[in-house]
């Protein structure tokens, strides 16, 4: 069985994330969507809320599981016998970050491969940071957030 992990902070989950998740799931037998608690970021949503957003958007996806971690993704992969880490790549700024991250991960555990996926053309610019700003300015986010989560995102970010 080929298992992989796709991790992110998902604060909040966007259609760009969802696009990569669905495409990655087609390539493996089981995909774990991993909510990462990044100590260097201030999260607007709790871990439980981020997990729930993913489950809301993927309720009919049996080969996708959702979990969370406070540690390094590469260590999670090793602990769960996962050999593939999917990462999304939107632009050149992401490339520089993802390239150095893949090098660190390869040094920590050379048995885990990083696979980069580009989001589809209508999602390549979508970011959680931009969503937060759009909500702050009361702009419609329905093109960028899974419909199951729009009200939760608007309510939480409008505070």
C-alpha atoms as a PDB file:
ATOM      1  CA  UNK A   1       0.000   0.000   0.000  1.00  0.00           C
ATOM      2  CA  UNK A   2       1.402   3.394  -1.011  1.00  0.00           C
ATOM      3  CA  UNK A   3       0.758   6.007   1.676  1.00  0.00           C
ATOM      4  CA  UNK A   4       1.554   9.685   1.485  1.00  0.00           C
ATOM      5  CA  UNK A   5       1.131  12.831   3.531  1.00  0.00           C
ATOM      6  CA  UNK A   6       0.111  16.330   2.465  1.00  0.00           C
ATOM      7  CA  UNK A   7       0.683  18.798   5.261  1.00  0.00           C
ATOM      8  CA  UNK A   8      -0.075  22.435   5.843  1.00  0.00           C
ATOM      9  CA  UNK A   9      -1.394  24.817   8.423  1.00  0.00           C
ATOM     10  CA  UNK A  10      -4.697  25.096   6.494  1.00  0.00           C
ATOM     11  CA  UNK A  11      -5.524  28.315   8.336  1.00  0.00           C
ATOM     12  CA  UNK A  12      -8.013  28.273   6.642  1.00  0.00           C
ATOM     13  CA  UNK A  13      -8.341  25.454   4.110  1.00  0.00           C
ATOM     14  CA  UNK A  14      -8.599  26.923   0.601  1.00  0.00           C
ATOM     15  CA  UNK A  15      -9.725  25.586  -2.757  1.00  0.00           C
ATOM     16  CA  UNK A  16      -6.033  25.603  -3.717  1.00  0.00           C
ATOM     17  CA  UNK A  17      -5.298  23.173  -0.883  1.00  0.00           C
ATOM     18  CA  UNK A  18      -8.334  21.094  -1.818  1.00  0.00           C
ATOM     19  CA  UNK A  19      -7.211  20.935  -5.446  1.00  0.00           C
ATOM     20  CA  UNK A  20      -3.788  19.570  -4.476  1.00  0.00           C
ATOM     21  CA  UNK A  21      -5.324  17.149  -1.944  1.00  0.00           C
ATOM     22  CA  UNK A  22      -7.710  15.625  -4.479  1.00  0.00           C
ATOM     23  CA  UNK A  23      -5.032  15.292  -7.142  1.00  0.00           C
ATOM     24  CA  UNK A  24      -2.493  13.805  -4.714  1.00  0.00           C
ATOM     25  CA  UNK A  25      -5.070  11.275  -3.499  1.00  0.00           C
ATOM     26  CA  UNK A  26      -5.389   9.926  -7.065  1.00  0.00           C
ATOM     27  CA  UNK A  27      -1.706   8.971  -7.002  1.00  0.00           C
ATOM     28  CA  UNK A  28      -1.643   6.881  -3.810  1.00  0.00           C
ATOM     29  CA  UNK A  29      -3.659   4.281  -1.944  1.00  0.00           C
ATOM     30  CA  UNK A  30      -4.002   6.448   1.175  1.00  0.00           C
ATOM     31  CA  UNK A  31      -3.371  10.150   1.726  1.00  0.00           C
ATOM     32  CA  UNK A  32      -3.060  11.665   5.171  1.00  0.00           C
ATOM     33  CA  UNK A  33      -3.897  15.363   5.226  1.00  0.00           C
ATOM     34  CA  UNK A  34      -1.864  16.595   8.138  1.00  0.00           C
ATOM     35  CA  UNK A  35      -2.704  19.776  10.017  1.00  0.00           C
ATOM     36  CA  UNK A  36       0.645  21.180  11.065  1.00  0.00           C
ATOM     37  CA  UNK A  37       0.858  23.401  14.095  1.00  0.00           C
ATOM     38  CA  UNK A  38       3.658  25.742  13.145  1.00  0.00           C
ATOM     39  CA  UNK A  39       5.101  27.355  16.282  1.00  0.00           C
ATOM     40  CA  UNK A  40       6.281  30.323  14.190  1.00  0.00           C
ATOM     41  CA  UNK A  41       2.765  31.214  13.002  1.00  0.00           C
ATOM     42  CA  UNK A  42      -0.210  32.638  14.852  1.00  0.00           C
ATOM     43  CA  UNK A  43      -3.180  30.511  13.826  1.00  0.00           C
ATOM     44  CA  UNK A  44      -6.631  32.077  13.553  1.00  0.00           C
ATOM     45  CA  UNK A  45      -8.324  28.659  13.736  1.00  0.00           C
ATOM     46  CA  UNK A  46      -7.786  25.979  16.366  1.00  0.00           C
ATOM     47  CA  UNK A  47      -6.361  22.614  15.353  1.00  0.00           C
ATOM     48  CA  UNK A  48      -9.826  21.080  15.813  1.00  0.00           C
ATOM     49  CA  UNK A  49     -11.445  23.730  13.581  1.00  0.00           C
ATOM     50  CA  UNK A  50      -8.850  23.179  10.855  1.00  0.00           C
ATOM     51  CA  UNK A  51      -9.372  19.405  11.023  1.00  0.00           C
ATOM     52  CA  UNK A  52     -13.137  19.917  10.832  1.00  0.00           C
ATOM     53  CA  UNK A  53     -12.811  22.196   7.770  1.00  0.00           C
ATOM     54  CA  UNK A  54     -10.864  19.475   5.971  1.00  0.00           C
ATOM     55  CA  UNK A  55     -13.354  16.785   6.961  1.00  0.00           C
ATOM     56  CA  UNK A  56     -16.268  19.015   5.867  1.00  0.00           C
ATOM     57  CA  UNK A  57     -14.757  19.454   2.407  1.00  0.00           C
ATOM     58  CA  UNK A  58     -13.695  15.805   2.018  1.00  0.00           C
ATOM     59  CA  UNK A  59     -16.580  13.905   3.594  1.00  0.00           C
ATOM     60  CA  UNK A  60     -16.903  11.620   0.553  1.00  0.00           C
ATOM     61  CA  UNK A  61     -13.212  10.769   0.180  1.00  0.00           C
ATOM     62  CA  UNK A  62     -12.604   7.385   1.872  1.00  0.00           C
ATOM     63  CA  UNK A  63      -8.902   7.078   1.025  1.00  0.00           C
ATOM     64  CA  UNK A  64      -8.122  10.421   2.684  1.00  0.00           C
ATOM     65  CA  UNK A  65      -7.484  10.578   6.433  1.00  0.00           C
ATOM     66  CA  UNK A  66      -6.945  13.685   8.557  1.00  0.00           C
ATOM     67  CA  UNK A  67      -4.496  14.018  11.439  1.00  0.00           C
ATOM     68  CA  UNK A  68      -2.436  16.720  13.146  1.00  0.00           C
ATOM     69  CA  UNK A  69       1.056  17.168  14.501  1.00  0.00           C
ATOM     70  CA  UNK A  70       3.106  19.626  16.508  1.00  0.00           C
ATOM     71  CA  UNK A  71       6.342  18.174  15.163  1.00  0.00           C
ATOM     72  CA  UNK A  72       8.205  18.011  11.895  1.00  0.00           C
ATOM     73  CA  UNK A  73       6.287  16.494   8.979  1.00  0.00           C
ATOM     74  CA  UNK A  74       9.279  14.356   7.989  1.00  0.00           C
ATOM     75  CA  UNK A  75       9.332  12.854  11.492  1.00  0.00           C
ATOM     76  CA  UNK A  76       5.584  12.186  11.311  1.00  0.00           C
ATOM     77  CA  UNK A  77       6.172  10.419   7.985  1.00  0.00           C
ATOM     78  CA  UNK A  78       8.895   8.249   9.482  1.00  0.00           C
ATOM     79  CA  UNK A  79       6.780   7.369  12.540  1.00  0.00           C
ATOM     80  CA  UNK A  80       3.849   6.336  10.306  1.00  0.00           C
ATOM     81  CA  UNK A  81       5.867   4.477   7.626  1.00  0.00           C
ATOM     82  CA  UNK A  82       5.059   7.077   4.947  1.00  0.00           C
ATOM     83  CA  UNK A  83       7.521   7.411   2.080  1.00  0.00           C
ATOM     84  CA  UNK A  84       5.994  10.331   0.115  1.00  0.00           C
ATOM     85  CA  UNK A  85       5.344  13.920   1.160  1.00  0.00           C
ATOM     86  CA  UNK A  86       3.285  15.991  -1.253  1.00  0.00           C
ATOM     87  CA  UNK A  87       3.795  19.743  -1.285  1.00  0.00           C
ATOM     88  CA  UNK A  88       1.956  22.416  -3.243  1.00  0.00           C
ATOM     89  CA  UNK A  89       3.932  24.873  -5.353  1.00  0.00           C
ATOM     90  CA  UNK A  90       2.195  28.094  -6.436  1.00  0.00           C
ATOM     91  CA  UNK A  91       4.994  30.439  -7.514  1.00  0.00           C
ATOM     92  CA  UNK A  92       8.724  31.161  -7.504  1.00  0.00           C
ATOM     93  CA  UNK A  93       8.639  32.333  -3.877  1.00  0.00           C
ATOM     94  CA  UNK A  94       7.145  28.973  -2.875  1.00  0.00           C
ATOM     95  CA  UNK A  95       9.841  27.221  -4.938  1.00  0.00           C
ATOM     96  CA  UNK A  96      12.704  28.689  -2.943  1.00  0.00           C
ATOM     97  CA  UNK A  97      11.063  27.741   0.356  1.00  0.00           C
ATOM     98  CA  UNK A  98      10.033  24.250  -0.813  1.00  0.00           C
ATOM     99  CA  UNK A  99      13.474  23.531  -2.284  1.00  0.00           C
ATOM    100  CA  UNK A 100      15.289  24.297   0.962  1.00  0.00           C
ATOM    101  CA  UNK A 101      12.644  22.424   2.978  1.00  0.00           C
ATOM    102  CA  UNK A 102      13.072  19.343   0.787  1.00  0.00           C
ATOM    103  CA  UNK A 103      16.835  19.460   1.385  1.00  0.00           C
ATOM    104  CA  UNK A 104      16.385  19.647   5.173  1.00  0.00           C
ATOM    105  CA  UNK A 105      13.882  16.801   5.032  1.00  0.00           C
ATOM    106  CA  UNK A 106      16.205  14.662   2.884  1.00  0.00           C
ATOM    107  CA  UNK A 107      18.978  15.185   5.421  1.00  0.00           C
ATOM    108  CA  UNK A 108      16.681  14.217   8.301  1.00  0.00           C
ATOM    109  CA  UNK A 109      15.219  11.193   6.529  1.00  0.00           C
ATOM    110  CA  UNK A 110      16.461  10.261   3.026  1.00  0.00           C
ATOM    111  CA  UNK A 111      13.765   7.557   2.769  1.00  0.00           C
ATOM    112  CA  UNK A 112      10.975  10.128   2.389  1.00  0.00           C
ATOM    113  CA  UNK A 113      10.548  11.678  -1.058  1.00  0.00           C
ATOM    114  CA  UNK A 114       9.108  15.150  -1.565  1.00  0.00           C
ATOM    115  CA  UNK A 115       6.764  15.432  -4.551  1.00  0.00           C
ATOM    116  CA  UNK A 116       5.704  18.895  -5.679  1.00  0.00           C
ATOM    117  CA  UNK A 117       2.300  19.467  -7.256  1.00  0.00           C
ATOM    118  CA  UNK A 118       1.160  22.650  -8.921  1.00  0.00           C
ATOM    119  CA  UNK A 119      -2.400  23.724  -8.176  1.00  0.00           C
ATOM    120  CA  UNK A 120      -4.673  24.081 -11.176  1.00  0.00           C
ATOM    121  CA  UNK A 121      -4.513  27.375 -13.022  1.00  0.00           C
ATOM    122  CA  UNK A 122      -7.496  28.969 -11.251  1.00  0.00           C
ATOM    123  CA  UNK A 123      -6.010  28.194  -7.811  1.00  0.00           C
ATOM    124  CA  UNK A 124      -2.320  29.046  -8.223  1.00  0.00           C
ATOM    125  CA  UNK A 125      -2.672  32.453  -6.561  1.00  0.00           C
ATOM    126  CA  UNK A 126      -4.986  31.468  -3.679  1.00  0.00           C
ATOM    127  CA  UNK A 127      -3.456  31.734  -0.221  1.00  0.00           C
ATOM    128  CA  UNK A 128      -4.785  31.544   3.323  1.00  0.00           C
ATOM    129  CA  UNK A 129      -3.236  34.957   4.030  1.00  0.00           C
ATOM    130  CA  UNK A 130      -5.139  36.544   1.148  1.00  0.00           C
ATOM    131  CA  UNK A 131      -8.388  34.934   2.342  1.00  0.00           C
ATOM    132  CA  UNK A 132      -7.927  36.529   5.762  1.00  0.00           C
ATOM    133  CA  UNK A 133      -7.498  39.943   4.176  1.00  0.00           C
ATOM    134  CA  UNK A 134     -10.515  39.484   1.876  1.00  0.00           C
ATOM    135  CA  UNK A 135     -12.730  38.597   4.837  1.00  0.00           C
ATOM    136  CA  UNK A 136     -11.398  41.579   6.772  1.00  0.00           C
ATOM    137  CA  UNK A 137     -12.513  43.799   3.881  1.00  0.00           C
ATOM    138  CA  UNK A 138     -15.863  41.994   3.574  1.00  0.00           C
ATOM    139  CA  UNK A 139     -15.162  40.601   0.081  1.00  0.00           C
ATOM    140  CA  UNK A 140     -16.909  37.485  -1.247  1.00  0.00           C
ATOM    141  CA  UNK A 141     -14.631  34.453  -0.694  1.00  0.00           C
ATOM    142  CA  UNK A 142     -16.836  31.820  -2.328  1.00  0.00           C
ATOM    143  CA  UNK A 143     -14.380  31.316  -5.213  1.00  0.00           C
ATOM    144  CA  UNK A 144     -11.538  30.511  -2.835  1.00  0.00           C
ATOM    145  CA  UNK A 145     -12.962  28.469   0.076  1.00  0.00           C
ATOM    146  CA  UNK A 146     -14.827  25.137  -0.028  1.00  0.00           C
ATOM    147  CA  UNK A 147     -18.533  25.979   0.175  1.00  0.00           C
ATOM    148  CA  UNK A 148     -18.946  23.825   3.283  1.00  0.00           C
ATOM    149  CA  UNK A 149     -16.628  26.167   5.192  1.00  0.00           C
ATOM    150  CA  UNK A 150     -17.534  29.658   3.977  1.00  0.00           C
ATOM    151  CA  UNK A 151     -19.740  30.608   6.933  1.00  0.00           C
ATOM    152  CA  UNK A 152     -17.288  29.223   9.506  1.00  0.00           C
ATOM    153  CA  UNK A 153     -14.408  31.127   7.911  1.00  0.00           C
ATOM    154  CA  UNK A 154     -16.352  34.377   7.646  1.00  0.00           C
ATOM    155  CA  UNK A 155     -17.620  34.133  11.214  1.00  0.00           C
ATOM    156  CA  UNK A 156     -14.218  33.285  12.698  1.00  0.00           C
ATOM    157  CA  UNK A 157     -12.257  35.884  10.740  1.00  0.00           C
ATOM    158  CA  UNK A 158     -14.811  38.660  11.120  1.00  0.00           C
ATOM    159  CA  UNK A 159     -14.258  38.859  14.880  1.00  0.00           C
END
